[in-house]
Amino acid sequence: MKARLHTGLFLCTMNCYFTIYKPFNVLSQFTSIDGKKSLADFFKVPKNVYPAGRLDYDSEGLLILTNDTKLNHRLLNPAFKHTRTYWVQVEGAITVDAIERLQKGLPISINGKQYQTLPGKASILPVTPLLPERNPPIRFRKNIPTSWISLELTEGKNRQVRRMTAKAGYPTLRLVRQRIERISLGSLQPGEMKEWTQQEMFKALFG
C-alpha cells in the first residue's frame, strides 16, 4: 500500500484523500459541540475536507476524509451498499445462535420505528484483536466475561451496531471500525492519518 503516514505536508493539489483513526470520545466533525473534542483537535487538513461518513462519539476507528464530491456520493448514498467491517467487544460469552441472528438481520428501533437490518457477515474472533488501548479503558468486571466479534454490514443506521448487539442480548462495550471496503486501519494509531492519491484511494476502495 502506497499511502503515506501524514507528515504535515499535503501532496494533494485539487482533491484530497485521507484515512484516519478517530479516537474514542471524539466527534466525527471539525467543530466542537458542548465542549466535546472534535477532529480538529487531532487532524489538520485543508478547510474544504470533511468526513465521508461518520462514527459515533463513543466509537472509534476508520474514517475517510475528502473533498471529492463524487467519492462522498459513492460512500454516503445507501444505494451503493459498500461494506464496513467492525470489531466489537460485547458483554458476555456470545453464542453461535446470537451470531446467526446478527448475520440474518434482526429488528431494531430507529427513531421510534422498527427497522429490519439487512443480512451481513458476523463471526466470533478467536483471539482478542491487536488494538491500541482505549483511553479511558473499558471497565473490567471480573465475574462478567466479554467476547470479540467481527461484524460486516452494508448499511449504517444511527448506532446500528450497538442496537444490533443489544437486541441479540450482548451489549457493546467497545466498537472499532476496522475496514471500509478494502481499506483497513492497518497500523494507524488513534489520532494518526494517512494521505492518499486519488488513484490509490479509488483502487483500494473499488478495484
Protein backbone atom coordinates (compact mmCIF):
# COMPACT_ATOMS: atom_id res chain seq x y z
CA MET A 1 0.00 0.00 0.00
CA LYS A 2 1.49 3.33 -1.07
CA ALA A 3 -0.49 5.59 1.22
CA ARG A 4 1.74 7.85 3.29
CA LEU A 5 1.62 8.39 7.03
CA HIS A 6 0.93 12.09 7.23
CA THR A 7 3.93 14.32 7.99
CA GLY A 8 2.25 17.73 7.80
CA LEU A 9 2.95 18.32 4.09
CA PHE A 10 -0.14 17.93 1.90
CA LEU A 11 0.56 16.44 -1.52
CA CYS A 12 -2.94 16.95 -2.93
CA THR A 13 -3.42 19.82 -5.37
CA MET A 14 -7.17 19.58 -6.08
CA ASN A 15 -8.96 16.62 -4.50
CA CYS A 16 -7.62 15.38 -1.17
CA TYR A 17 -7.92 11.91 0.35
CA PHE A 18 -7.05 10.82 3.87
CA THR A 19 -7.75 7.90 6.18
CA ILE A 20 -7.71 8.49 9.92
CA TYR A 21 -8.10 6.58 13.16
CA LYS A 22 -10.78 8.55 15.02
CA PRO A 23 -10.13 8.24 18.75
CA PHE A 24 -12.77 7.32 21.31
CA ASN A 25 -14.95 10.19 22.58
CA VAL A 26 -14.26 12.47 19.63
CA LEU A 27 -16.93 13.97 17.36
CA SER A 28 -16.84 12.96 13.67
CA GLN A 29 -16.68 16.62 12.61
CA PHE A 30 -14.31 19.56 12.78
CA THR A 31 -16.43 21.72 15.07
CA SER A 32 -16.91 21.15 18.78
CA ILE A 33 -20.31 20.84 20.48
CA ASP A 34 -20.77 21.24 24.23
CA GLY A 35 -17.03 21.29 24.76
CA LYS A 36 -16.50 17.82 23.27
CA LYS A 37 -13.32 17.12 21.36
CA SER A 38 -13.62 17.16 17.57
CA LEU A 39 -11.47 16.04 14.65
CA ALA A 40 -9.88 19.50 14.67
CA ASP A 41 -8.14 18.59 17.94
CA PHE A 42 -6.21 15.82 16.17
CA PHE A 43 -6.11 16.42 12.41
CA LYS A 44 -5.05 19.42 10.31
CA VAL A 45 -6.41 19.24 6.77
CA PRO A 46 -7.42 21.76 4.07
CA LYS A 47 -10.55 23.69 5.03
CA ASN A 48 -12.81 22.04 2.44
CA VAL A 49 -12.02 18.48 3.56
CA TYR A 50 -14.67 16.66 5.61
CA PRO A 51 -15.51 13.09 6.70
CA ALA A 52 -17.20 10.87 4.11
CA GLY A 53 -19.42 9.23 6.69
CA ARG A 54 -19.33 9.25 10.46
CA LEU A 55 -18.64 7.29 13.61
CA ASP A 56 -20.48 7.82 16.86
CA TYR A 57 -18.79 9.91 19.54
CA ASP A 58 -18.18 6.80 21.64
CA SER A 59 -16.98 4.66 18.72
CA GLU A 60 -13.52 4.70 17.20
CA GLY A 61 -11.63 3.62 14.13
CA LEU A 62 -11.51 4.23 10.41
CA LEU A 63 -12.84 7.36 8.73
CA ILE A 64 -12.19 8.69 5.24
CA LEU A 65 -11.69 12.44 4.83
CA THR A 66 -12.02 14.04 1.40
CA ASN A 67 -13.25 17.00 -0.62
CA ASP A 68 -14.11 14.78 -3.60
CA THR A 69 -17.88 15.14 -4.07
CA LYS A 70 -18.06 12.04 -6.28
CA LEU A 71 -16.42 9.89 -3.64
CA ASN A 72 -18.67 11.38 -0.97
CA HIS A 73 -21.71 10.42 -3.04
CA ARG A 74 -20.37 6.90 -3.60
CA LEU A 75 -19.77 6.37 0.12
CA LEU A 76 -22.84 8.14 1.52
CA ASN A 77 -25.59 7.06 -0.88
CA PRO A 78 -27.27 3.93 0.60
CA ALA A 79 -27.87 2.58 -2.91
CA PHE A 80 -24.19 1.63 -3.25
CA LYS A 81 -24.20 -0.56 -0.11
CA HIS A 82 -20.44 -0.52 0.44
CA THR A 83 -19.14 -2.80 3.17
CA ARG A 84 -17.97 -1.66 6.60
CA THR A 85 -16.29 -4.08 8.99
CA TYR A 86 -16.40 -3.55 12.76
CA TRP A 87 -14.56 -5.25 15.58
CA VAL A 88 -16.90 -5.26 18.55
CA GLN A 89 -16.27 -6.17 22.16
CA VAL A 90 -19.54 -7.29 23.72
CA GLU A 91 -20.58 -8.13 27.25
CA GLY A 92 -21.00 -11.85 27.83
CA ALA A 93 -19.84 -15.07 26.17
CA ILE A 94 -21.64 -14.70 22.84
CA THR A 95 -23.29 -17.79 21.36
CA VAL A 96 -23.41 -19.19 17.84
CA ASP A 97 -27.17 -18.57 17.88
CA ALA A 98 -26.61 -14.87 18.53
CA ILE A 99 -24.05 -14.70 15.72
CA GLU A 100 -26.58 -16.28 13.34
CA ARG A 101 -29.20 -13.69 14.36
CA LEU A 102 -26.76 -10.88 13.66
CA GLN A 103 -25.97 -12.38 10.24
CA LYS A 104 -29.58 -12.83 9.20
CA GLY A 105 -30.65 -9.36 10.35
CA LEU A 106 -32.90 -8.51 13.26
CA PRO A 107 -35.41 -5.80 14.20
CA ILE A 108 -34.07 -2.69 15.91
CA SER A 109 -35.65 0.63 16.80
CA ILE A 110 -34.60 3.64 14.70
CA ASN A 111 -36.20 6.99 15.61
CA GLY A 112 -39.02 5.16 17.35
CA LYS A 113 -39.78 2.91 14.38
CA GLN A 114 -38.99 -0.77 13.89
CA TYR A 115 -36.36 -1.47 11.26
CA GLN A 116 -35.18 -4.86 10.00
CA THR A 117 -31.44 -4.81 9.44
CA LEU A 118 -30.06 -6.23 6.22
CA PRO A 119 -28.21 -9.56 6.26
CA GLY A 120 -24.49 -9.24 6.93
CA LYS A 121 -21.49 -11.26 8.00
CA ALA A 122 -20.71 -11.99 11.63
CA SER A 123 -18.17 -14.19 13.36
CA ILE A 124 -16.57 -14.70 16.74
CA LEU A 125 -12.95 -13.53 16.78
CA PRO A 126 -10.89 -16.43 18.20
CA VAL A 127 -8.41 -14.09 19.90
CA THR A 128 -8.56 -10.52 21.15
CA PRO A 129 -7.64 -8.27 18.20
CA LEU A 130 -4.43 -6.26 18.40
CA LEU A 131 -5.78 -2.79 19.03
CA PRO A 132 -4.43 0.24 20.88
CA GLU A 133 -5.57 0.56 24.48
CA ARG A 134 -8.70 2.67 24.70
CA ASN A 135 -8.47 5.90 26.70
CA PRO A 136 -10.24 5.63 29.08
CA PRO A 137 -10.15 1.81 29.13
CA ILE A 138 -13.16 -0.49 29.32
CA ARG A 139 -14.17 -1.05 32.96
CA PHE A 140 -13.03 -4.55 33.92
CA ARG A 141 -15.55 -6.74 35.74
CA LYS A 142 -14.02 -9.98 36.97
CA ASN A 143 -17.18 -12.09 37.00
CA ILE A 144 -18.57 -10.99 33.63
CA PRO A 145 -16.87 -12.40 30.51
CA THR A 146 -16.57 -10.48 27.26
CA SER A 147 -16.33 -11.56 23.62
CA TRP A 148 -14.90 -10.00 20.47
CA ILE A 149 -16.82 -10.35 17.21
CA SER A 150 -16.37 -9.18 13.63
CA LEU A 151 -19.45 -7.66 12.01
CA GLU A 152 -19.59 -6.68 8.33
CA LEU A 153 -22.53 -4.50 7.25
CA THR A 154 -23.62 -2.76 4.06
CA GLU A 155 -25.67 -0.08 5.81
CA GLY A 156 -25.06 2.45 8.54
CA LYS A 157 -28.14 3.40 10.51
CA ASN A 158 -27.78 5.51 13.64
CA ARG A 159 -25.95 3.46 16.31
CA GLN A 160 -26.84 0.34 14.35
CA VAL A 161 -24.11 -1.96 15.62
CA ARG A 162 -24.85 -1.15 19.25
CA ARG A 163 -28.59 -1.62 18.70
CA MET A 164 -27.99 -4.94 16.95
CA THR A 165 -25.76 -6.47 19.61
CA ALA A 166 -28.10 -5.27 22.37
CA LYS A 167 -31.05 -6.83 20.55
CA ALA A 168 -29.12 -10.10 20.33
CA GLY A 169 -28.57 -9.92 24.09
CA TYR A 170 -24.93 -8.80 24.18
CA PRO A 171 -24.42 -5.06 24.81
CA THR A 172 -21.49 -3.41 23.06
CA LEU A 173 -18.57 -2.37 25.27
CA ARG A 174 -16.10 -1.21 22.60
CA LEU A 175 -16.69 -0.55 18.91
CA VAL A 176 -13.90 -0.11 16.36
CA ARG A 177 -14.49 0.30 12.61
CA GLN A 178 -11.66 -1.70 11.15
CA ARG A 179 -12.37 -1.58 7.42
CA ILE A 180 -14.27 0.27 4.68
CA GLU A 181 -14.46 -1.89 1.56
CA ARG A 182 -10.80 -2.97 1.13
CA ILE A 183 -9.20 -0.14 3.12
CA SER A 184 -8.33 -1.09 6.70
CA LEU A 185 -6.90 0.68 9.71
CA GLY A 186 -3.64 -1.16 9.18
CA SER A 187 -1.03 0.18 11.59
CA LEU A 188 -2.77 3.51 12.22
CA GLN A 189 -2.98 4.56 15.85
CA PRO A 190 -5.67 6.81 17.38
CA GLY A 191 -5.12 10.35 16.13
CA GLU A 192 -2.98 9.29 13.15
CA MET A 193 -3.72 9.99 9.48
CA LYS A 194 -2.57 8.74 6.07
CA GLU A 195 -2.73 10.72 2.85
CA TRP A 196 -3.69 9.02 -0.44
CA THR A 197 -3.68 9.94 -4.10
CA GLN A 198 -6.96 9.71 -6.00
CA GLN A 199 -5.76 6.64 -7.88
CA GLU A 200 -4.66 4.88 -4.70
CA MET A 201 -7.94 5.63 -2.93
CA PHE A 202 -10.28 4.52 -5.72
CA LYS A 203 -8.25 1.40 -6.49
CA ALA A 204 -8.17 0.39 -2.83
CA LEU A 205 -11.89 1.03 -2.35
CA PHE A 206 -13.40 -0.21 -5.59
CA GLY A 207 -10.71 -2.11 -7.53
